[in-house]
Protein backbone atom coordinates (compact mmCIF):
# COMPACT_ATOMS: atom_id res chain seq x y z
CA MET A 1 27.08 12.18 23.47
CA ILE A 2 23.91 14.13 22.98
CA PHE A 3 23.03 14.47 19.33
CA LEU A 4 19.28 15.09 19.25
CA GLU A 5 19.76 18.82 18.46
CA TYR A 6 22.70 18.49 16.21
CA PRO A 7 23.88 15.02 14.99
CA VAL A 8 26.68 16.48 12.88
CA SER A 9 28.65 16.82 16.13
CA LEU A 10 28.96 13.06 16.32
CA TYR A 11 31.30 13.05 13.26
CA PHE A 12 33.09 16.46 13.22
CA ASP A 13 35.00 18.24 15.98
CA THR A 14 34.89 21.41 13.88
CA GLU A 15 31.99 23.36 12.36
CA PRO A 16 31.55 21.97 8.80
CA ALA A 17 29.38 23.45 6.12
CA VAL A 18 25.95 21.70 6.40
CA GLN A 19 23.02 21.29 4.15
CA VAL A 20 19.91 19.91 5.80
CA LEU A 21 17.31 17.85 3.93
CA ASP A 22 13.96 17.52 5.87
CA LEU A 23 12.39 14.25 4.68
CA CYS A 24 9.85 13.97 7.54
CA ARG A 25 6.41 12.65 6.63
CA GLY A 26 4.29 13.37 9.66
CA ASP A 27 4.77 12.87 13.44
CA ASN A 28 5.46 9.09 13.08
CA ASP A 29 8.11 9.34 10.36
CA PHE A 30 10.95 11.65 11.30
CA ARG A 31 13.82 11.63 8.87
CA LYS A 32 16.47 14.28 8.30
CA VAL A 33 19.66 14.17 6.21
CA TYR A 34 22.67 16.39 6.96
CA ILE A 35 25.22 16.69 4.24
CA ALA A 36 28.34 17.94 6.01
CA ASN A 37 31.64 19.06 4.47
CA ASP A 38 34.63 20.38 6.38
CA GLY A 39 36.91 20.59 3.34
CA LYS A 40 38.64 17.37 4.13
CA ARG A 41 35.67 14.92 3.89
CA LYS A 42 32.04 15.09 2.95
CA LEU A 43 29.50 12.85 4.89
CA VAL A 44 25.87 12.11 4.52
CA ILE A 45 24.50 11.88 8.08
CA LYS A 46 21.10 10.18 8.37
CA TYR A 47 19.00 10.91 11.44
CA MET A 48 15.67 9.07 11.95
CA SER A 49 12.78 7.90 14.19
CA ASN A 50 9.97 6.01 12.61
CA THR A 51 8.20 2.68 12.67
CA PHE A 52 10.52 0.92 10.27
CA SER A 53 13.90 2.01 11.74
CA ASP A 54 15.51 0.47 14.77
CA ARG A 55 18.99 -0.74 15.54
CA ARG A 56 18.32 -4.29 14.21
CA ARG A 57 17.08 -3.02 10.93
CA ILE A 58 19.75 -0.47 10.39
CA GLU A 59 22.35 -3.17 11.00
CA GLY A 60 20.54 -5.16 8.29
CA TRP A 61 20.69 -2.22 5.92
CA LEU A 62 24.41 -1.85 6.41
CA ARG A 63 24.93 -5.64 5.95
CA LEU A 64 22.88 -5.58 2.69
CA MET A 65 25.04 -2.65 1.42
CA ASP A 66 28.08 -4.90 2.05
CA ALA A 67 26.37 -7.63 -0.02
CA TYR A 68 25.66 -5.30 -2.90
CA ARG A 69 29.30 -4.22 -2.91
CA ASP A 70 30.34 -7.82 -3.02
CA ALA A 71 28.13 -8.20 -6.12
CA GLY A 72 30.00 -5.34 -7.75
CA ILE A 73 27.30 -2.71 -7.13
CA TYR A 74 28.74 0.41 -5.58
CA CYS A 75 27.30 1.71 -2.25
CA PRO A 76 28.82 4.43 -0.14
CA ALA A 77 31.01 3.31 2.77
CA VAL A 78 29.60 3.68 6.33
CA ILE A 79 31.64 6.04 8.48
CA PRO A 80 31.87 5.47 12.27
CA ALA A 81 31.13 8.39 14.68
CA ARG A 82 33.97 9.98 16.67
CA THR A 83 33.08 7.55 19.52
CA GLY A 84 33.73 4.58 17.20
CA GLU A 85 30.07 3.59 17.02
CA THR A 86 28.59 2.80 13.61
CA ILE A 87 24.92 3.30 14.81
CA CYS A 88 24.22 5.98 17.37
CA CYS A 89 21.00 5.86 19.45
CA GLU A 90 19.35 8.16 21.98
CA THR A 91 15.92 8.28 23.52
CA LYS A 92 13.71 11.33 24.23
CA ASP A 93 10.20 11.25 25.56
CA GLY A 94 10.13 7.54 25.14
CA ARG A 95 11.09 7.65 21.49
CA ASP A 96 14.32 6.24 19.95
CA TYR A 97 16.27 8.33 17.54
CA PHE A 98 19.02 6.75 15.39
CA CYS A 99 21.88 8.11 13.47
CA TYR A 100 24.55 6.74 11.10
CA ALA A 101 26.72 8.31 8.38
CA GLU A 102 27.99 7.37 5.02
CA GLU A 103 30.60 8.87 2.76
CA PHE A 104 29.22 11.19 0.12
CA ALA A 105 28.67 9.04 -3.02
CA VAL A 106 31.48 9.16 -5.55
CA TYR A 107 28.89 9.05 -8.38
CA GLU A 108 25.97 11.40 -9.22
CA THR A 109 22.33 10.34 -9.03
CA ALA A 110 20.32 10.00 -12.17
CA GLU A 111 18.08 12.72 -10.75
CA HIS A 112 20.95 15.13 -10.34
CA ILE A 113 22.26 14.51 -13.88
CA GLY A 114 18.81 15.14 -15.31
CA GLU A 115 16.36 12.66 -16.90
CA GLU A 116 16.73 14.04 -20.45
CA ASP A 117 20.45 13.27 -20.43
CA CYS A 118 19.71 9.70 -19.58
CA ARG A 119 17.06 8.79 -22.11
CA ASP A 120 17.24 7.24 -25.64
CA GLU A 121 15.29 8.45 -28.58
CA ASP A 122 12.13 6.55 -27.40
CA GLY A 123 12.27 8.03 -23.95
CA ASN A 124 13.58 4.92 -22.18
CA TYR A 125 16.29 5.36 -19.50
CA THR A 126 19.59 4.13 -20.95
CA TYR A 127 20.68 2.72 -17.61
CA THR A 128 17.60 0.52 -17.29
CA PRO A 129 19.16 -2.69 -18.80
CA ASP A 130 22.02 -2.55 -16.25
CA VAL A 131 19.71 -1.88 -13.33
CA MET A 132 17.74 -4.96 -14.38
CA ARG A 133 20.87 -7.03 -14.65
CA SER A 134 21.82 -5.86 -11.17
CA LEU A 135 18.54 -7.09 -9.83
CA GLY A 136 19.41 -10.48 -11.39
CA LYS A 137 22.80 -10.52 -9.57
CA ILE A 138 21.20 -9.88 -6.19
CA ALA A 139 18.53 -12.48 -6.89
CA SER A 140 21.10 -15.00 -7.79
CA ALA A 141 22.90 -14.34 -4.48
CA GLY A 142 19.82 -15.71 -2.70
CA LEU A 143 20.31 -13.34 0.34
CA ASP A 144 18.09 -14.35 3.28
CA PHE A 145 19.54 -12.61 6.30
CA LEU A 146 16.80 -9.92 6.67
CA ASP A 147 13.61 -11.19 8.20
CA TRP A 148 11.38 -8.35 7.16
CA SER A 149 9.77 -7.32 3.88
CA SER A 150 10.96 -4.37 1.72
CA ALA A 151 8.70 -1.57 0.63
CA TYR A 152 7.96 -3.57 -2.50
CA CYS A 153 6.02 -6.06 -0.38
CA LEU A 154 2.87 -7.71 -1.58
CA LEU A 155 0.02 -9.21 0.40
CA GLU A 156 1.14 -7.71 3.68
CA PRO A 157 1.65 -4.21 5.17
CA PHE A 158 5.06 -2.71 5.07
CA SER A 159 5.10 -0.96 8.49
CA PRO A 160 2.96 -1.24 11.71
CA PRO A 161 0.66 1.76 10.99
CA ASP A 162 -0.29 0.26 7.67
CA THR A 163 -3.55 -1.68 7.65
CA THR A 164 -3.24 -3.58 4.36
CA ASP A 165 -0.87 -4.07 1.43
CA GLU A 166 -0.35 -1.47 -1.15
CA GLY A 167 -2.24 -3.21 -3.96
CA THR A 168 -5.44 -3.60 -1.81
CA GLU A 169 -5.04 0.04 -0.63
CA CYS A 170 -5.15 1.25 -4.23
CA ALA A 171 -8.04 -1.11 -5.05
CA LEU A 172 -10.14 0.28 -2.16
CA LEU A 173 -9.32 3.90 -2.92
CA PHE A 174 -10.35 3.34 -6.54
CA ARG A 175 -13.63 1.88 -5.48
CA ASP A 176 -14.20 4.65 -2.95
CA TYR A 177 -13.58 7.26 -5.60
CA VAL A 178 -15.99 5.72 -8.01
CA LYS A 179 -18.54 5.27 -5.23
CA GLU A 180 -18.35 8.96 -4.27
CA ASN A 181 -17.87 10.56 -7.70
CA LEU A 182 -19.02 8.09 -10.37
CA PRO A 183 -21.69 5.98 -8.78
CA ARG A 184 -23.14 4.81 -12.04
CA HIS A 185 -19.92 2.82 -12.53
CA LEU A 186 -19.87 1.36 -8.99
CA PRO A 187 -21.44 -2.03 -9.88
CA ARG A 188 -18.79 -2.77 -12.47
CA THR A 189 -16.12 -1.44 -10.22
CA GLU A 190 -17.28 -3.80 -7.42
CA ALA A 191 -17.10 -6.62 -9.83
CA LEU A 192 -13.51 -5.77 -10.71
CA LEU A 193 -12.76 -5.58 -6.96
CA ASP A 194 -14.14 -9.01 -6.47
CA LEU A 195 -11.93 -10.31 -9.35
CA PHE A 196 -8.99 -8.55 -7.72
CA TYR A 197 -9.67 -10.43 -4.45
CA ARG A 198 -10.04 -13.81 -6.19
CA ASN A 199 -6.61 -13.28 -7.83
CA GLN A 200 -5.26 -12.30 -4.46
CA ALA A 201 -6.65 -15.39 -2.70
CA GLU A 202 -5.01 -17.61 -5.34
CA LEU A 203 -1.65 -15.73 -5.15
CA LYS A 204 -1.59 -16.15 -1.34
CA LYS A 205 -1.55 -19.97 -1.74
CA ILE A 206 1.85 -19.86 -3.42
CA TYR A 207 3.37 -16.48 -2.86
CA HIS A 208 5.45 -17.34 0.25
CA THR A 209 6.85 -20.45 -1.28
CA LEU A 210 8.72 -18.56 -4.01
CA PRO A 211 12.57 -18.09 -4.05
CA VAL A 212 13.71 -14.98 -2.20
CA SER A 213 16.55 -12.57 -1.86
CA CYS A 214 17.16 -9.29 -0.06
CA PHE A 215 16.81 -6.03 -2.04
CA GLN A 216 17.36 -2.40 -1.77
CA GLY A 217 13.63 -1.54 -1.94
CA ASP A 218 13.52 2.01 -3.31
CA LEU A 219 14.71 2.15 -6.89
CA ASN A 220 14.09 5.58 -8.30
CA GLU A 221 16.14 8.43 -10.00
CA SER A 222 17.23 9.91 -6.65
CA ASN A 223 18.77 6.70 -5.49
CA ILE A 224 20.33 5.32 -8.75
CA LEU A 225 23.92 6.28 -9.30
CA LEU A 226 25.49 6.76 -12.67
CA ASP A 227 29.13 6.95 -13.79
CA GLU A 228 30.59 9.59 -16.07
CA ASN A 229 29.31 7.71 -19.07
CA ARG A 230 25.73 7.72 -17.73
CA ARG A 231 25.92 3.98 -17.03
CA PHE A 232 24.54 2.46 -13.86
CA ALA A 233 27.12 2.24 -11.12
CA GLY A 234 25.39 1.74 -7.75
CA LEU A 235 22.72 2.73 -5.29
CA ILE A 236 22.18 4.74 -2.18
CA ASP A 237 19.33 4.78 0.50
CA PHE A 238 18.67 1.26 1.75
CA ASN A 239 16.25 2.25 4.48
CA LEU A 240 13.33 0.56 2.68
CA CYS A 241 15.17 -2.66 2.01
CA GLY A 242 13.97 -6.10 2.90
CA ARG A 243 13.56 -9.81 1.88
CA GLU A 244 11.17 -10.38 -1.03
CA PRO A 245 10.22 -13.14 -3.46
CA VAL A 246 12.44 -12.53 -6.51
CA LEU A 247 9.50 -12.66 -8.76
CA ASN A 248 7.62 -9.90 -7.07
CA TYR A 249 10.61 -7.47 -6.90
CA THR A 250 11.76 -8.04 -10.52
CA VAL A 251 8.20 -7.88 -12.01
CA ARG A 252 7.41 -4.76 -10.20
CA GLU A 253 10.61 -2.99 -11.05
CA ALA A 254 10.34 -4.14 -14.72
CA LEU A 255 6.80 -2.65 -14.88
CA TRP A 256 7.92 0.63 -13.35
CA ALA A 257 10.90 0.91 -15.64
CA VAL A 258 8.72 1.16 -18.80
CA TYR A 259 9.15 4.75 -19.91
CA ASP A 260 8.51 4.84 -23.61
CA ARG A 261 7.35 8.35 -24.53
CA CYS A 262 4.54 7.17 -26.72
CA LEU A 263 2.76 5.62 -23.72
CA PHE A 264 2.21 8.93 -21.90
CA GLY A 265 0.21 11.98 -22.78
CA GLU A 266 -0.09 15.44 -21.06
CA ASN A 267 0.09 15.55 -17.29
CA ASP A 268 1.54 12.00 -17.30
CA ALA A 269 -1.63 10.44 -18.66
CA ARG A 270 -1.22 6.64 -19.22
CA LEU A 271 -2.27 6.33 -22.78
CA CYS A 272 -1.81 2.54 -22.72
CA HIS A 273 -4.99 2.26 -20.65
CA TYR A 274 -7.04 3.27 -23.71
CA ASP A 275 -5.27 1.79 -26.71
CA LYS A 276 -4.39 -1.87 -27.34
CA ALA A 277 -1.57 -1.20 -29.59
CA LEU A 278 0.06 1.10 -27.00
CA ASP A 279 -0.53 -1.42 -24.20
CA ASP A 280 1.19 -4.02 -26.46
CA ILE A 281 4.24 -1.79 -26.62
CA ARG A 282 4.15 -1.42 -22.89
CA ILE A 283 4.05 -5.25 -22.41
CA ARG A 284 6.96 -5.76 -24.95
CA SER A 285 8.99 -3.22 -23.01
CA PHE A 286 8.17 -4.91 -19.76
CA LEU A 287 9.23 -8.25 -21.08
CA ARG A 288 12.38 -6.79 -22.51
CA ASN A 289 13.29 -5.58 -18.94
CA MET A 290 12.61 -9.10 -17.59
CA ALA A 291 14.90 -10.52 -20.22
CA TYR A 292 17.69 -8.23 -18.89
CA VAL A 293 17.04 -9.67 -15.43
CA GLN A 294 17.41 -13.16 -16.92
CA GLU A 295 20.90 -12.37 -18.19
CA THR A 296 22.04 -12.71 -14.55
CA TYR A 297 19.24 -14.77 -12.89
CA THR A 298 17.51 -18.08 -13.98
CA PHE A 299 13.90 -18.19 -12.98
CA SER A 300 12.76 -21.56 -11.54
CA GLU A 301 9.89 -23.53 -13.06
CA GLN A 302 7.93 -22.67 -9.92
CA GLU A 303 8.39 -18.97 -10.56
CA ARG A 304 7.50 -19.39 -14.24
CA GLU A 305 4.23 -21.08 -13.31
CA ALA A 306 3.42 -18.45 -10.67
CA PHE A 307 4.22 -15.50 -13.07
CA PRO A 308 0.83 -15.13 -14.85
CA LEU A 309 -1.02 -15.02 -11.61
CA LEU A 310 1.32 -12.55 -9.95
CA PHE A 311 1.23 -10.41 -13.09
CA ARG A 312 -2.55 -10.33 -13.12
CA TYR A 313 -2.56 -9.27 -9.49
CA MET A 314 0.05 -6.58 -9.76
CA ASN A 315 -0.82 -5.18 -13.21
CA SER A 316 -4.22 -4.02 -12.17
CA PHE A 317 -5.23 -1.53 -9.33
CA TRP A 318 -2.19 0.64 -8.50
CA TRP A 319 -1.44 4.26 -8.01
CA GLN A 320 -1.42 4.88 -11.71
CA THR A 321 -4.89 3.61 -12.27
CA LEU A 322 -6.18 5.54 -9.30
CA SER A 323 -4.70 8.80 -10.73
CA GLU A 324 -6.20 7.91 -14.05
CA ILE A 325 -9.82 7.52 -12.85
CA GLU A 326 -9.36 10.88 -11.03
CA ARG A 327 -7.97 12.45 -14.19
CA VAL A 328 -10.69 11.33 -16.64
CA HIS A 329 -13.48 11.74 -14.15
CA GLU A 330 -16.52 12.69 -16.36
CA ASP A 331 -15.16 11.38 -19.70
CA GLU A 332 -17.43 8.38 -20.13
CA GLU A 333 -15.57 6.88 -22.97
CA SER A 334 -12.29 6.97 -21.05
CA ILE A 335 -13.83 5.65 -17.92
CA THR A 336 -15.26 2.61 -19.82
CA LYS A 337 -11.94 2.04 -21.54
CA LEU A 338 -10.07 2.21 -18.21
CA LEU A 339 -12.48 -0.25 -16.68
CA ASP A 340 -12.12 -2.55 -19.73
CA TRP A 341 -8.34 -2.36 -19.41
CA LEU A 342 -8.49 -3.37 -15.76
CA GLU A 343 -10.72 -6.39 -16.57
CA HIS A 344 -8.48 -7.48 -19.37
CA GLN A 345 -5.28 -7.20 -17.13
CA MET A 346 -6.95 -9.20 -14.32
CA THR A 347 -8.14 -11.98 -16.58
CA ARG A 348 -5.37 -12.25 -19.21
CA ASP A 349 -3.40 -15.43 -19.49
CA ASP A 350 -1.31 -14.72 -22.55
CA ILE A 351 1.93 -13.50 -21.12
CA ARG A 352 4.87 -15.62 -19.99
CA LEU A 353 8.35 -14.88 -18.92
CA PRO A 354 10.79 -14.62 -21.85
């Protein structure tokens, strides 16, 4: 059955109402989603062609969704095409296109509900504790049937076009921005980059020996599902999933899930980069998130020993610090404080898992 022009026809023999979401990111990352409703059923039809989607991987995504459901975390059911196929594939001009469909989720996403309806008085998302506990459940399952890394990967590229891991990419972009726009700060930035590489070299010695599991790989408000009481219920969108060291996945998510309002200024400025008391609040919030993980997962001694080094590496150059150096630009005091903050994070040895 030809579906390149209209994949909805794989699942409906009538003409349903259709909403099309164009998620394409350049010629090498084709992704479209068709939300189709014929009045009897509502499906989410995913249609893709990119460097990280093939039949083997899609089969892995669907298997991981089953594992999440087994752990009590809702994921939409996969719906076969009218031909009975779960995954449909066609080739055009030497390029493979894949399609599969899910039931429309029975819960709403946090993004659709609206972030202000999901925050406590300090600005933290009320569903964060249960999301962290769910990570612990998946970590405890020790899933290992995927043989590729998720989009959360460290120390290696995620997809073939990538030339480096995300942390190194951010570090180099930070250095290049300083070199081009703030050359007076280049010597210190180069010294920080050297420190970053030293941490990276030490982390590489132990990183691939850490306990692993397979994770969804794209936790954000558009993929987190909440029930009618605004409590965490499940997840959608597993196309960035993969096998990861538990420590990497949980630490990164616990850092990203720090949302206290006092830590942010206008235009999403990270105030914690310039004030020790605010950074201390940030670290306490991060450790609280890690404590939620530990309600359902027990970190090994190996993971506890590796934690300070991994934290120093991860809690340094990232997209947030890159946006901050671009934002403060000519503010000498802020630039100095941001560089001080980076040096402190890459050398600190005062934080341990709860």
